[in-house]
């Protein structure tokens, strides 16, 4: 059903009503599944169907955004030469960060995670998804505003990470700083800025992740009743 509201077309919202027991069951299942998600740095080069990646990106693009501007571009890279170029540029920036840009406290906090400037996963993973934020729109030389860009793109990235996990794949949020090299390598327009880089694929056959704990509900939430 469609109707016009204040001069604009609207469609009727279809909501799936669940019983309290169904809500509890589904919310718990979803939590248990996502609680198994881990950041992975060791990847297999096993191929992933492109259609799976397309579905993942479409899921991310279903996220809410300020004034429905959808201020994002998902650049999906599988070309080996391009991945190699991205790795070389990322490692150059990361080496500078680890050798001088990062504080001693920062480096100490990273020690349990086993990270360093070397990023082989940027070549090994079958796909890299580089998320760009559109600071503004530009069409025929005319600029128009986007709103709550960082918030909108951040939410879309959350959807993206969840969709990757739901598809049985793994990823890692990689943010080499600065990231301007991604704009140059991928030839993105001046209204876009690199926001996040995610390798996507299967974990290596034998993969280890840090033995760490997530904060408890009491540590992350406050209920006002």
N, C-alpha and C. Protein backbone atom coordinates (compact mmCIF):
# COMPACT_ATOMS: atom_id res chain seq x y z
N UNK A 1 0.85 -1.19 0.00
CA UNK A 1 0.00 0.00 0.00
C UNK A 1 0.89 1.25 0.00
N UNK A 2 0.51 2.22 -0.79
CA UNK A 2 1.24 3.48 -0.86
C UNK A 2 0.30 4.64 -0.55
N UNK A 3 0.88 5.71 -0.02
CA UNK A 3 0.11 6.93 0.19
C UNK A 3 1.06 8.12 0.14
N UNK A 4 0.48 9.29 -0.02
CA UNK A 4 1.27 10.51 -0.06
C UNK A 4 1.17 11.23 1.28
N UNK A 5 2.33 11.59 1.83
CA UNK A 5 2.38 12.32 3.09
C UNK A 5 3.21 13.59 2.87
N UNK A 6 2.58 14.73 3.06
CA UNK A 6 3.24 16.03 2.87
C UNK A 6 3.91 16.14 1.51
N UNK A 7 3.24 15.58 0.53
CA UNK A 7 3.72 15.70 -0.84
C UNK A 7 4.75 14.67 -1.26
N UNK A 8 5.05 13.69 -0.39
CA UNK A 8 6.05 12.69 -0.72
C UNK A 8 5.43 11.29 -0.65
N UNK A 9 5.89 10.39 -1.53
CA UNK A 9 5.32 9.03 -1.53
C UNK A 9 5.85 8.21 -0.35
N UNK A 10 4.96 7.48 0.29
CA UNK A 10 5.30 6.59 1.39
C UNK A 10 4.74 5.21 1.08
N UNK A 11 5.40 4.18 1.62
CA UNK A 11 4.88 2.82 1.52
C UNK A 11 4.62 2.30 2.92
N UNK A 12 3.69 1.37 3.03
CA UNK A 12 3.35 0.84 4.34
C UNK A 12 4.49 -0.02 4.88
N UNK A 13 4.84 0.22 6.13
CA UNK A 13 5.91 -0.54 6.78
C UNK A 13 5.40 -1.91 7.18
N UNK A 14 6.17 -2.94 6.83
CA UNK A 14 5.80 -4.31 7.18
C UNK A 14 6.68 -4.77 8.34
N UNK A 15 6.06 -5.03 9.45
CA UNK A 15 6.79 -5.43 10.66
C UNK A 15 6.49 -6.87 11.02
N UNK A 16 7.54 -7.62 11.36
CA UNK A 16 7.37 -9.00 11.79
C UNK A 16 7.19 -9.02 13.30
N UNK A 17 6.00 -9.33 13.74
CA UNK A 17 5.70 -9.37 15.16
C UNK A 17 6.15 -10.71 15.76
N UNK A 18 6.92 -10.62 16.82
CA UNK A 18 7.40 -11.82 17.50
C UNK A 18 6.86 -11.87 18.92
N UNK A 19 6.66 -13.08 19.40
CA UNK A 19 6.28 -13.23 20.80
C UNK A 19 7.49 -12.89 21.67
N UNK A 20 7.26 -12.67 22.96
CA UNK A 20 8.37 -12.38 23.85
C UNK A 20 9.38 -13.52 23.86
N UNK A 21 8.88 -14.76 23.79
CA UNK A 21 9.78 -15.91 23.79
C UNK A 21 10.60 -15.93 22.50
N UNK A 22 9.97 -15.61 21.38
CA UNK A 22 10.70 -15.56 20.11
C UNK A 22 11.75 -14.45 20.12
N UNK A 23 11.38 -13.29 20.67
CA UNK A 23 12.34 -12.20 20.76
C UNK A 23 13.54 -12.60 21.60
N UNK A 24 13.27 -13.22 22.73
CA UNK A 24 14.35 -13.64 23.62
C UNK A 24 15.25 -14.65 22.93
N UNK A 25 14.63 -15.61 22.25
CA UNK A 25 15.39 -16.65 21.59
C UNK A 25 16.25 -16.09 20.46
N UNK A 26 15.65 -15.26 19.62
CA UNK A 26 16.38 -14.72 18.48
C UNK A 26 17.49 -13.76 18.91
N UNK A 27 17.19 -12.92 19.90
CA UNK A 27 18.21 -11.98 20.36
C UNK A 27 19.38 -12.72 21.00
N UNK A 28 19.10 -13.80 21.71
CA UNK A 28 20.16 -14.57 22.34
C UNK A 28 20.99 -15.31 21.28
N UNK A 29 20.31 -15.87 20.28
CA UNK A 29 21.02 -16.57 19.21
C UNK A 29 21.95 -15.63 18.46
N UNK A 30 21.43 -14.45 18.16
CA UNK A 30 22.24 -13.46 17.42
C UNK A 30 23.44 -13.01 18.25
N UNK A 31 23.21 -12.79 19.54
CA UNK A 31 24.32 -12.42 20.43
C UNK A 31 25.37 -13.52 20.48
N UNK A 32 24.92 -14.76 20.68
CA UNK A 32 25.87 -15.86 20.79
C UNK A 32 26.70 -16.01 19.52
N UNK A 33 26.05 -15.77 18.39
CA UNK A 33 26.78 -15.90 17.13
C UNK A 33 27.81 -14.79 16.97
N UNK A 34 27.41 -13.55 17.24
CA UNK A 34 28.34 -12.44 17.08
C UNK A 34 29.43 -12.44 18.15
N UNK A 35 29.12 -13.02 19.30
CA UNK A 35 30.13 -13.08 20.36
C UNK A 35 31.31 -13.97 19.96
N UNK A 36 31.10 -14.79 18.93
CA UNK A 36 32.19 -15.64 18.44
C UNK A 36 33.08 -14.90 17.43
N UNK A 37 32.65 -13.71 17.04
CA UNK A 37 33.44 -12.94 16.07
C UNK A 37 34.77 -12.53 16.68
N UNK A 38 35.83 -12.68 15.88
CA UNK A 38 37.16 -12.25 16.30
C UNK A 38 37.86 -11.54 15.15
N UNK A 39 38.74 -10.63 15.50
CA UNK A 39 39.59 -10.00 14.49
C UNK A 39 40.69 -10.99 14.12
N UNK A 40 40.81 -11.28 12.84
CA UNK A 40 41.73 -12.31 12.37
C UNK A 40 42.81 -11.69 11.48
N UNK A 41 44.06 -12.09 11.70
CA UNK A 41 45.18 -11.56 10.92
C UNK A 41 45.85 -12.61 10.05
N UNK A 42 45.38 -13.85 10.12
CA UNK A 42 45.97 -14.92 9.32
C UNK A 42 44.89 -15.47 8.39
N UNK A 43 45.11 -15.31 7.08
CA UNK A 43 44.07 -15.62 6.09
C UNK A 43 44.48 -16.72 5.13
N UNK A 44 43.48 -17.43 4.67
CA UNK A 44 43.64 -18.35 3.55
C UNK A 44 43.41 -17.56 2.26
N UNK A 45 44.04 -18.03 1.19
CA UNK A 45 43.80 -17.39 -0.11
C UNK A 45 42.66 -18.08 -0.87
N UNK A 46 41.92 -18.94 -0.17
CA UNK A 46 40.79 -19.63 -0.78
C UNK A 46 39.79 -18.63 -1.35
N UNK A 47 39.32 -18.89 -2.56
CA UNK A 47 38.41 -17.97 -3.23
C UNK A 47 37.06 -17.89 -2.52
N UNK A 48 36.48 -16.71 -2.55
CA UNK A 48 35.14 -16.46 -2.00
C UNK A 48 34.25 -16.03 -3.17
N UNK A 49 33.05 -16.61 -3.31
CA UNK A 49 32.18 -16.21 -4.42
C UNK A 49 31.88 -14.71 -4.40
N UNK A 50 31.97 -14.08 -5.54
CA UNK A 50 31.73 -12.64 -5.61
C UNK A 50 30.32 -12.29 -5.15
N UNK A 51 29.35 -13.15 -5.43
CA UNK A 51 27.97 -12.86 -5.04
C UNK A 51 27.84 -12.73 -3.52
N UNK A 52 28.63 -13.49 -2.78
CA UNK A 52 28.62 -13.39 -1.32
C UNK A 52 29.09 -12.00 -0.90
N UNK A 53 30.16 -11.53 -1.51
CA UNK A 53 30.68 -10.19 -1.21
C UNK A 53 29.65 -9.13 -1.59
N UNK A 54 28.99 -9.32 -2.71
CA UNK A 54 27.96 -8.36 -3.14
C UNK A 54 26.84 -8.29 -2.10
N UNK A 55 26.41 -9.44 -1.60
CA UNK A 55 25.36 -9.46 -0.58
C UNK A 55 25.81 -8.76 0.70
N UNK A 56 27.08 -8.98 1.07
CA UNK A 56 27.63 -8.34 2.26
C UNK A 56 27.61 -6.82 2.11
N UNK A 57 28.03 -6.35 0.95
CA UNK A 57 28.06 -4.90 0.71
C UNK A 57 26.64 -4.33 0.68
N UNK A 58 25.71 -5.05 0.09
CA UNK A 58 24.31 -4.57 0.07
C UNK A 58 23.75 -4.50 1.48
N UNK A 59 24.13 -5.45 2.32
CA UNK A 59 23.69 -5.41 3.71
C UNK A 59 24.24 -4.17 4.41
N UNK A 60 25.52 -3.88 4.21
CA UNK A 60 26.12 -2.69 4.81
C UNK A 60 25.43 -1.42 4.33
N UNK A 61 25.06 -1.41 3.06
CA UNK A 61 24.44 -0.21 2.49
C UNK A 61 22.99 -0.05 2.89
N UNK A 62 22.45 -1.01 3.65
CA UNK A 62 21.09 -0.87 4.16
C UNK A 62 21.06 -0.09 5.47
N UNK A 63 22.22 0.33 5.95
CA UNK A 63 22.31 1.05 7.22
C UNK A 63 21.62 2.41 7.14
N UNK A 64 21.13 2.91 8.28
CA UNK A 64 20.53 4.25 8.29
C UNK A 64 21.61 5.31 8.10
N UNK A 65 21.21 6.47 7.58
CA UNK A 65 22.17 7.55 7.37
C UNK A 65 21.46 8.89 7.49
N UNK A 66 22.22 9.93 7.81
CA UNK A 66 21.66 11.26 7.96
C UNK A 66 20.95 11.74 6.71
N UNK A 67 19.66 12.06 6.85
CA UNK A 67 18.83 12.51 5.73
C UNK A 67 18.84 11.52 4.56
N UNK A 68 19.10 10.27 4.86
CA UNK A 68 19.16 9.19 3.87
C UNK A 68 20.10 9.52 2.71
N UNK A 69 21.21 10.17 3.02
CA UNK A 69 22.18 10.53 1.99
C UNK A 69 23.08 9.37 1.59
N UNK A 70 23.17 8.36 2.44
CA UNK A 70 23.99 7.17 2.16
C UNK A 70 25.40 7.58 1.71
N UNK A 71 26.14 8.28 2.58
CA UNK A 71 27.40 8.89 2.17
C UNK A 71 28.60 7.94 2.20
N UNK A 72 28.48 6.84 1.47
CA UNK A 72 29.55 5.85 1.49
C UNK A 72 29.80 5.26 0.11
N UNK A 73 31.03 4.80 -0.07
CA UNK A 73 31.40 4.01 -1.25
C UNK A 73 32.22 2.83 -0.75
N UNK A 74 31.84 1.63 -1.18
CA UNK A 74 32.56 0.42 -0.80
C UNK A 74 33.41 -0.03 -1.99
N UNK A 75 34.71 0.15 -1.89
CA UNK A 75 35.60 -0.26 -2.97
C UNK A 75 36.08 -1.69 -2.69
N UNK A 76 35.74 -2.60 -3.57
CA UNK A 76 36.04 -4.02 -3.37
C UNK A 76 37.20 -4.40 -4.28
N UNK A 77 38.31 -4.80 -3.68
CA UNK A 77 39.53 -5.08 -4.44
C UNK A 77 39.88 -6.56 -4.36
N UNK A 78 39.98 -7.19 -5.52
CA UNK A 78 40.45 -8.57 -5.59
C UNK A 78 41.66 -8.70 -6.51
N UNK A 79 41.95 -7.66 -7.28
CA UNK A 79 43.09 -7.66 -8.19
C UNK A 79 44.40 -7.79 -7.41
N UNK A 80 45.21 -8.79 -7.76
CA UNK A 80 46.42 -9.09 -6.98
C UNK A 80 47.43 -7.95 -7.02
N UNK A 81 47.59 -7.33 -8.18
CA UNK A 81 48.55 -6.24 -8.29
C UNK A 81 48.14 -5.05 -7.44
N UNK A 82 46.84 -4.77 -7.41
CA UNK A 82 46.34 -3.65 -6.61
C UNK A 82 46.48 -3.95 -5.12
N UNK A 83 46.19 -5.19 -4.73
CA UNK A 83 46.37 -5.57 -3.32
C UNK A 83 47.84 -5.44 -2.91
N UNK A 84 48.74 -5.83 -3.78
CA UNK A 84 50.17 -5.73 -3.49
C UNK A 84 50.58 -4.28 -3.31
N UNK A 85 50.04 -3.41 -4.16
CA UNK A 85 50.36 -1.99 -4.06
C UNK A 85 49.82 -1.39 -2.76
N UNK A 86 48.61 -1.81 -2.39
CA UNK A 86 48.01 -1.32 -1.14
C UNK A 86 48.83 -1.80 0.05
N UNK A 87 49.26 -3.06 0.02
CA UNK A 87 50.07 -3.58 1.13
C UNK A 87 51.36 -2.78 1.28
N UNK A 88 52.05 -2.53 0.18
CA UNK A 88 53.32 -1.81 0.24
C UNK A 88 53.14 -0.41 0.83
N UNK A 89 52.09 0.27 0.40
CA UNK A 89 51.84 1.63 0.90
C UNK A 89 51.41 1.61 2.36
N UNK A 90 50.57 0.63 2.72
CA UNK A 90 50.10 0.53 4.11
C UNK A 90 51.26 0.21 5.05
N UNK A 91 52.12 -0.71 4.65
CA UNK A 91 53.25 -1.08 5.50
C UNK A 91 54.23 0.07 5.67
N UNK A 92 54.38 0.89 4.65
CA UNK A 92 55.25 2.07 4.76
C UNK A 92 54.74 3.00 5.86
N UNK A 93 53.42 3.27 5.85
CA UNK A 93 52.83 4.13 6.87
C UNK A 93 52.89 3.47 8.25
N UNK A 94 52.61 2.17 8.31
CA UNK A 94 52.60 1.47 9.58
C UNK A 94 53.99 1.39 10.19
N UNK A 95 55.01 1.21 9.35
CA UNK A 95 56.37 1.15 9.87
C UNK A 95 56.75 2.48 10.52
N UNK A 96 56.34 3.58 9.89
CA UNK A 96 56.60 4.90 10.47
C UNK A 96 55.84 5.07 11.78
N UNK A 97 54.61 4.56 11.82
CA UNK A 97 53.81 4.68 13.05
C UNK A 97 54.44 3.90 14.20
N UNK A 98 54.81 2.65 13.94
CA UNK A 98 55.37 1.81 14.99
C UNK A 98 56.76 2.28 15.44
N UNK A 99 57.48 2.98 14.56
CA UNK A 99 58.84 3.39 14.90
C UNK A 99 58.91 4.81 15.43
N UNK A 100 57.78 5.53 15.48
CA UNK A 100 57.89 6.90 15.97
C UNK A 100 56.59 7.63 16.25
N UNK A 101 55.54 7.33 15.51
CA UNK A 101 54.29 8.06 15.68
C UNK A 101 53.53 7.63 16.93
N UNK A 102 53.58 6.34 17.25
CA UNK A 102 52.82 5.82 18.38
C UNK A 102 53.56 6.09 19.70
N UNK A 103 52.78 6.37 20.73
CA UNK A 103 53.37 6.57 22.05
C UNK A 103 53.79 5.23 22.65
N UNK A 104 54.63 5.29 23.68
CA UNK A 104 55.06 4.06 24.36
C UNK A 104 53.86 3.34 24.97
N UNK A 105 52.91 4.13 25.50
CA UNK A 105 51.71 3.53 26.11
C UNK A 105 50.89 2.78 25.06
N UNK A 106 50.75 3.40 23.89
CA UNK A 106 50.00 2.78 22.80
C UNK A 106 50.65 1.46 22.40
N UNK A 107 51.96 1.49 22.20
CA UNK A 107 52.67 0.28 21.81
C UNK A 107 52.53 -0.81 22.86
N UNK A 108 52.57 -0.40 24.14
CA UNK A 108 52.42 -1.38 25.22
C UNK A 108 51.03 -2.00 25.21
N UNK A 109 50.00 -1.17 24.95
CA UNK A 109 48.62 -1.69 24.89
C UNK A 109 48.42 -2.66 23.74
N UNK A 110 49.21 -2.52 22.68
CA UNK A 110 49.08 -3.40 21.52
C UNK A 110 49.81 -4.73 21.69
N UNK A 111 50.74 -4.80 22.63
CA UNK A 111 51.57 -6.00 22.78
C UNK A 111 50.77 -7.29 22.93
N UNK A 112 49.70 -7.32 23.76
CA UNK A 112 48.94 -8.57 23.90
C UNK A 112 48.27 -9.02 22.61
N UNK A 113 48.10 -8.10 21.67
CA UNK A 113 47.42 -8.43 20.41
C UNK A 113 48.39 -8.91 19.34
N UNK A 114 49.68 -8.76 19.59
CA UNK A 114 50.67 -9.29 18.66
C UNK A 114 50.76 -8.57 17.34
N UNK A 115 50.42 -7.30 17.30
CA UNK A 115 50.46 -6.57 16.04
C UNK A 115 51.82 -5.95 15.79
N UNK A 116 52.15 -5.73 14.52
CA UNK A 116 53.32 -4.95 14.14
C UNK A 116 53.05 -4.32 12.78
N UNK A 117 54.07 -3.76 12.16
CA UNK A 117 53.85 -3.01 10.91
C UNK A 117 53.64 -3.92 9.71
N UNK A 118 53.94 -5.17 9.83
CA UNK A 118 53.80 -6.09 8.69
C UNK A 118 52.34 -6.49 8.51
N UNK A 119 51.83 -6.38 7.27
CA UNK A 119 50.42 -6.65 7.00
C UNK A 119 50.26 -7.61 5.81
N UNK A 120 50.73 -8.86 5.93
CA UNK A 120 50.63 -9.80 4.81
C UNK A 120 49.20 -10.11 4.41
N UNK A 121 48.26 -9.96 5.35
CA UNK A 121 46.86 -10.27 5.04
C UNK A 121 46.30 -9.38 3.94
N UNK A 122 46.92 -8.23 3.71
CA UNK A 122 46.43 -7.34 2.65
C UNK A 122 46.63 -7.94 1.26
N UNK A 123 47.54 -8.91 1.16
CA UNK A 123 47.72 -9.62 -0.11
C UNK A 123 47.06 -10.99 -0.09
N UNK A 124 47.09 -11.65 1.07
CA UNK A 124 46.59 -13.03 1.15
C UNK A 124 45.07 -13.11 1.04
N UNK A 125 44.37 -12.26 1.76
CA UNK A 125 42.90 -12.30 1.74
C UNK A 125 42.40 -12.11 0.31
N UNK A 126 41.41 -12.89 -0.10
CA UNK A 126 40.92 -12.77 -1.48
C UNK A 126 40.29 -11.43 -1.80
N UNK A 127 39.76 -10.76 -0.78
CA UNK A 127 39.13 -9.46 -1.01
C UNK A 127 39.58 -8.44 0.03
N UNK A 128 39.71 -7.21 -0.42
CA UNK A 128 39.82 -6.07 0.48
C UNK A 128 38.61 -5.19 0.22
N UNK A 129 37.95 -4.77 1.28
CA UNK A 129 36.87 -3.80 1.15
C UNK A 129 37.34 -2.51 1.80
N UNK A 130 37.48 -1.48 1.00
CA UNK A 130 37.89 -0.18 1.52
C UNK A 130 36.67 0.72 1.52
N UNK A 131 36.30 1.18 2.71
CA UNK A 131 35.12 2.03 2.86
C UNK A 131 35.55 3.49 2.80
N UNK A 132 34.93 4.22 1.88
CA UNK A 132 35.16 5.66 1.77
C UNK A 132 33.93 6.41 2.24
N UNK A 133 34.16 7.50 2.94
CA UNK A 133 33.06 8.37 3.33
C UNK A 133 32.98 9.53 2.35
N UNK A 134 31.75 9.88 1.97
CA UNK A 134 31.53 11.01 1.07
C UNK A 134 31.29 12.25 1.92
N UNK A 135 32.28 13.11 1.98
CA UNK A 135 32.18 14.31 2.80
C UNK A 135 31.08 15.22 2.27
N UNK A 136 30.91 15.24 0.97
CA UNK A 136 29.84 15.98 0.33
C UNK A 136 29.54 15.32 -1.01
N UNK A 137 28.42 15.68 -1.61
CA UNK A 137 28.06 15.18 -2.93
C UNK A 137 28.45 16.23 -3.97
N UNK A 138 28.80 15.77 -5.14
CA UNK A 138 29.13 16.69 -6.23
C UNK A 138 28.59 16.13 -7.54
N UNK A 139 27.78 16.91 -8.21
CA UNK A 139 27.20 16.49 -9.48
C UNK A 139 27.17 17.69 -10.42
N UNK A 140 27.80 17.51 -11.59
CA UNK A 140 27.89 18.59 -12.58
C UNK A 140 28.48 19.86 -11.99
N UNK A 141 29.49 19.67 -11.12
CA UNK A 141 30.17 20.82 -10.54
C UNK A 141 29.46 21.46 -9.38
N UNK A 142 28.28 20.95 -9.03
CA UNK A 142 27.51 21.50 -7.92
C UNK A 142 27.68 20.64 -6.67
N UNK A 143 27.98 21.31 -5.55
CA UNK A 143 28.15 20.61 -4.28
C UNK A 143 26.86 20.62 -3.48
N UNK A 144 26.61 19.53 -2.76
CA UNK A 144 25.49 19.48 -1.82
C UNK A 144 25.95 18.77 -0.56
N UNK A 145 25.34 19.13 0.56
CA UNK A 145 25.79 18.63 1.85
C UNK A 145 25.38 17.18 2.11
N UNK A 146 26.23 16.49 2.84
CA UNK A 146 25.86 15.25 3.50
C UNK A 146 25.86 15.53 5.00
N UNK A 147 25.10 14.73 5.76
CA UNK A 147 24.92 15.03 7.17
C UNK A 147 25.32 13.83 8.03
N UNK A 148 25.92 14.12 9.19
CA UNK A 148 26.34 13.06 10.11
C UNK A 148 27.11 11.97 9.36
N UNK A 149 28.10 12.41 8.61
CA UNK A 149 28.82 11.49 7.73
C UNK A 149 29.56 10.41 8.52
N UNK A 150 30.36 10.81 9.51
CA UNK A 150 31.12 9.83 10.28
C UNK A 150 30.21 8.84 11.00
N UNK A 151 29.13 9.36 11.58
CA UNK A 151 28.19 8.49 12.29
C UNK A 151 27.54 7.50 11.32
N UNK A 152 27.11 8.01 10.17
CA UNK A 152 26.43 7.17 9.19
C UNK A 152 27.35 6.07 8.66
N UNK A 153 28.57 6.45 8.29
CA UNK A 153 29.51 5.48 7.74
C UNK A 153 29.96 4.49 8.82
N UNK A 154 30.08 4.97 10.06
CA UNK A 154 30.43 4.07 11.15
C UNK A 154 29.38 3.00 11.37
N UNK A 155 28.11 3.40 11.30
CA UNK A 155 27.02 2.43 11.45
C UNK A 155 27.06 1.42 10.30
N UNK A 156 27.28 1.90 9.07
CA UNK A 156 27.35 1.01 7.91
C UNK A 156 28.49 0.02 8.06
N UNK A 157 29.60 0.44 8.63
CA UNK A 157 30.73 -0.46 8.85
C UNK A 157 30.37 -1.54 9.88
N UNK A 158 29.57 -1.16 10.88
CA UNK A 158 29.10 -2.17 11.84
C UNK A 158 28.25 -3.22 11.15
N UNK A 159 27.34 -2.76 10.28
CA UNK A 159 26.54 -3.70 9.50
C UNK A 159 27.45 -4.60 8.65
N UNK A 160 28.48 -4.00 8.05
CA UNK A 160 29.39 -4.72 7.18
C UNK A 160 30.11 -5.83 7.93
N UNK A 161 30.65 -5.51 9.09
CA UNK A 161 31.38 -6.50 9.89
C UNK A 161 30.46 -7.63 10.33
N UNK A 162 29.24 -7.29 10.73
CA UNK A 162 28.26 -8.30 11.13
C UNK A 162 27.93 -9.22 9.95
N UNK A 163 27.73 -8.63 8.76
CA UNK A 163 27.39 -9.42 7.58
C UNK A 163 28.52 -10.35 7.18
N UNK A 164 29.75 -9.88 7.32
CA UNK A 164 30.91 -10.73 7.01
C UNK A 164 30.92 -11.95 7.92
N UNK A 165 30.69 -11.72 9.20
CA UNK A 165 30.67 -12.82 10.18
C UNK A 165 29.51 -13.78 9.90
N UNK A 166 28.35 -13.22 9.60
CA UNK A 166 27.18 -14.05 9.33
C UNK A 166 27.38 -14.95 8.12
N UNK A 167 28.23 -14.49 7.18
CA UNK A 167 28.48 -15.27 5.97
C UNK A 167 29.53 -16.36 6.18
N UNK A 168 30.06 -16.47 7.41
CA UNK A 168 31.05 -17.49 7.69
C UNK A 168 32.46 -17.09 7.31
N UNK A 169 32.68 -15.79 7.15
CA UNK A 169 34.00 -15.27 6.79
C UNK A 169 34.57 -14.48 7.97
N UNK A 170 35.81 -14.05 7.83
CA UNK A 170 36.46 -13.28 8.89
C UNK A 170 36.99 -11.98 8.32
N UNK A 171 37.26 -11.04 9.23
CA UNK A 171 37.80 -9.75 8.80
C UNK A 171 38.61 -9.14 9.93
N UNK A 172 39.14 -7.97 9.64
CA UNK A 172 39.94 -7.20 10.58
C UNK A 172 39.75 -5.73 10.23
N UNK A 173 39.53 -4.89 11.22
CA UNK A 173 39.41 -3.46 10.95
C UNK A 173 40.82 -2.85 10.93
N UNK A 174 41.22 -2.43 9.75
CA UNK A 174 42.58 -1.92 9.55
C UNK A 174 42.50 -0.43 9.21
N UNK A 175 43.23 0.38 9.98
CA UNK A 175 43.19 1.83 9.75
C UNK A 175 44.60 2.41 9.74
N UNK A 176 45.37 2.13 8.70
CA UNK A 176 46.69 2.76 8.62
C UNK A 176 46.53 4.27 8.57
N UNK A 177 47.39 4.97 9.25
CA UNK A 177 47.25 6.43 9.32
C UNK A 177 48.56 7.11 8.95
N UNK A 178 48.48 8.05 7.97
CA UNK A 178 47.31 8.47 7.20
C UNK A 178 46.95 7.46 6.11
N UNK A 179 45.74 7.59 5.56
CA UNK A 179 45.25 6.63 4.56
C UNK A 179 45.08 7.26 3.18
N UNK A 180 45.70 8.40 2.96
CA UNK A 180 45.52 9.08 1.67
C UNK A 180 45.97 8.24 0.48
N UNK A 181 46.90 7.32 0.72
CA UNK A 181 47.40 6.48 -0.37
C UNK A 181 46.28 5.65 -1.00
N UNK A 182 45.24 5.34 -0.22
CA UNK A 182 44.12 4.57 -0.77
C UNK A 182 43.34 5.38 -1.80
N UNK A 183 43.19 6.67 -1.53
CA UNK A 183 42.53 7.56 -2.50
C UNK A 183 43.28 7.57 -3.81
N UNK A 184 44.61 7.64 -3.74
CA UNK A 184 45.44 7.71 -4.94
C UNK A 184 45.45 6.38 -5.69
N UNK A 185 45.67 5.29 -4.96
CA UNK A 185 45.75 3.99 -5.63
C UNK A 185 44.44 3.62 -6.31
N UNK A 186 43.32 3.93 -5.66
CA UNK A 186 42.01 3.53 -6.20
C UNK A 186 41.36 4.63 -7.04
N UNK A 187 42.02 5.77 -7.15
CA UNK A 187 41.52 6.83 -8.03
C UNK A 187 40.17 7.38 -7.61
N UNK A 188 39.99 7.58 -6.31
CA UNK A 188 38.71 8.07 -5.81
C UNK A 188 38.61 9.59 -5.96
N UNK A 189 37.40 10.10 -6.10
CA UNK A 189 37.21 11.54 -6.29
C UNK A 189 37.51 12.33 -5.02
N UNK A 190 37.65 13.65 -5.18
CA UNK A 190 38.10 14.49 -4.07
C UNK A 190 37.06 14.64 -2.96
N UNK A 191 35.81 14.27 -3.23
CA UNK A 191 34.79 14.38 -2.17
C UNK A 191 34.74 13.14 -1.27
N UNK A 192 35.61 12.16 -1.54
CA UNK A 192 35.64 10.94 -0.74
C UNK A 192 36.93 10.87 0.09
N UNK A 193 36.80 10.31 1.30
CA UNK A 193 37.94 10.13 2.19
C UNK A 193 37.95 8.67 2.67
N UNK A 194 39.12 8.03 2.68
CA UNK A 194 39.17 6.65 3.19
C UNK A 194 38.80 6.60 4.66
N UNK A 195 37.96 5.65 5.04
CA UNK A 195 37.44 5.54 6.40
C UNK A 195 37.92 4.26 7.09
N UNK A 196 37.89 3.14 6.36
CA UNK A 196 38.23 1.86 6.97
C UNK A 196 38.61 0.86 5.89
N UNK A 197 39.58 0.00 6.20
CA UNK A 197 40.01 -1.05 5.28
C UNK A 197 39.78 -2.39 5.97
N UNK A 198 39.11 -3.31 5.26
CA UNK A 198 38.82 -4.62 5.83
C UNK A 198 39.23 -5.73 4.87
N UNK A 199 40.19 -6.58 5.25
CA UNK A 199 40.43 -7.80 4.49
C UNK A 199 39.28 -8.76 4.76
N UNK A 200 38.87 -9.51 3.74
CA UNK A 200 37.74 -10.41 3.89
C UNK A 200 38.08 -11.76 3.27
N UNK A 201 37.85 -12.82 4.02
CA UNK A 201 38.10 -14.16 3.49
C UNK A 201 37.92 -15.20 4.56
N UNK A 202 38.52 -16.37 4.31
CA UNK A 202 38.51 -17.46 5.29
C UNK A 202 39.76 -17.36 6.16
N UNK A 203 39.68 -17.81 7.40
CA UNK A 203 40.90 -17.85 8.21
C UNK A 203 41.85 -18.91 7.67
N UNK A 204 43.14 -18.72 7.95
CA UNK A 204 44.12 -19.75 7.60
C UNK A 204 43.76 -21.05 8.32
N UNK A 205 44.25 -22.16 7.78
CA UNK A 205 43.88 -23.47 8.33
C UNK A 205 44.18 -23.56 9.81
N UNK A 206 45.31 -23.03 10.24
CA UNK A 206 45.64 -23.01 11.66
C UNK A 206 45.80 -21.55 12.08
N UNK A 207 44.80 -21.04 12.77
CA UNK A 207 44.78 -19.63 13.15
C UNK A 207 44.64 -19.50 14.65
N UNK A 208 45.43 -18.61 15.23
CA UNK A 208 45.34 -18.33 16.65
C UNK A 208 44.99 -16.86 16.85
N UNK A 209 44.18 -16.60 17.86
CA UNK A 209 43.82 -15.22 18.21
C UNK A 209 44.12 -15.00 19.69
N UNK A 210 44.34 -13.77 20.10
CA UNK A 210 44.68 -13.50 21.50
C UNK A 210 43.59 -14.00 22.45
N UNK A 211 44.01 -14.54 23.60
CA UNK A 211 43.06 -14.98 24.63
C UNK A 211 42.71 -13.76 25.48
N UNK A 212 41.65 -13.09 25.08
CA UNK A 212 41.22 -11.87 25.75
C UNK A 212 39.74 -11.98 26.10
N UNK A 213 39.29 -11.14 27.00
CA UNK A 213 37.90 -11.17 27.45
C UNK A 213 37.20 -9.87 27.05
N UNK A 214 35.92 -9.98 26.70
CA UNK A 214 35.11 -8.79 26.46
C UNK A 214 34.57 -8.29 27.80
N UNK A 215 34.32 -7.00 27.88
CA UNK A 215 33.75 -6.44 29.09
C UNK A 215 32.37 -7.04 29.34
N UNK A 216 32.00 -7.14 30.61
CA UNK A 216 30.69 -7.68 30.97
C UNK A 216 29.61 -6.64 30.72
N UNK A 217 28.36 -7.08 30.74
CA UNK A 217 27.24 -6.17 30.55
C UNK A 217 27.27 -5.04 31.58
N UNK A 218 27.58 -5.36 32.81
CA UNK A 218 27.62 -4.36 33.87
C UNK A 218 28.67 -3.29 33.60
N UNK A 219 29.72 -3.64 32.86
CA UNK A 219 30.78 -2.68 32.57
C UNK A 219 30.48 -1.80 31.37
N UNK A 220 29.55 -2.19 30.52
CA UNK A 220 29.30 -1.41 29.30
C UNK A 220 27.91 -0.79 29.24
N UNK A 221 27.03 -1.13 30.18
CA UNK A 221 25.66 -0.64 30.11
C UNK A 221 25.19 -0.13 31.47
N UNK A 222 24.34 0.91 31.42
CA UNK A 222 23.70 1.44 32.61
C UNK A 222 22.20 1.48 32.34
N UNK A 223 21.41 0.81 33.14
CA UNK A 223 19.96 0.78 32.97
C UNK A 223 19.31 1.73 33.97
N UNK A 224 18.45 2.60 33.47
CA UNK A 224 17.72 3.55 34.32
C UNK A 224 16.27 3.11 34.42
N UNK A 225 15.92 2.51 35.53
CA UNK A 225 14.57 1.94 35.70
C UNK A 225 13.82 2.62 36.84
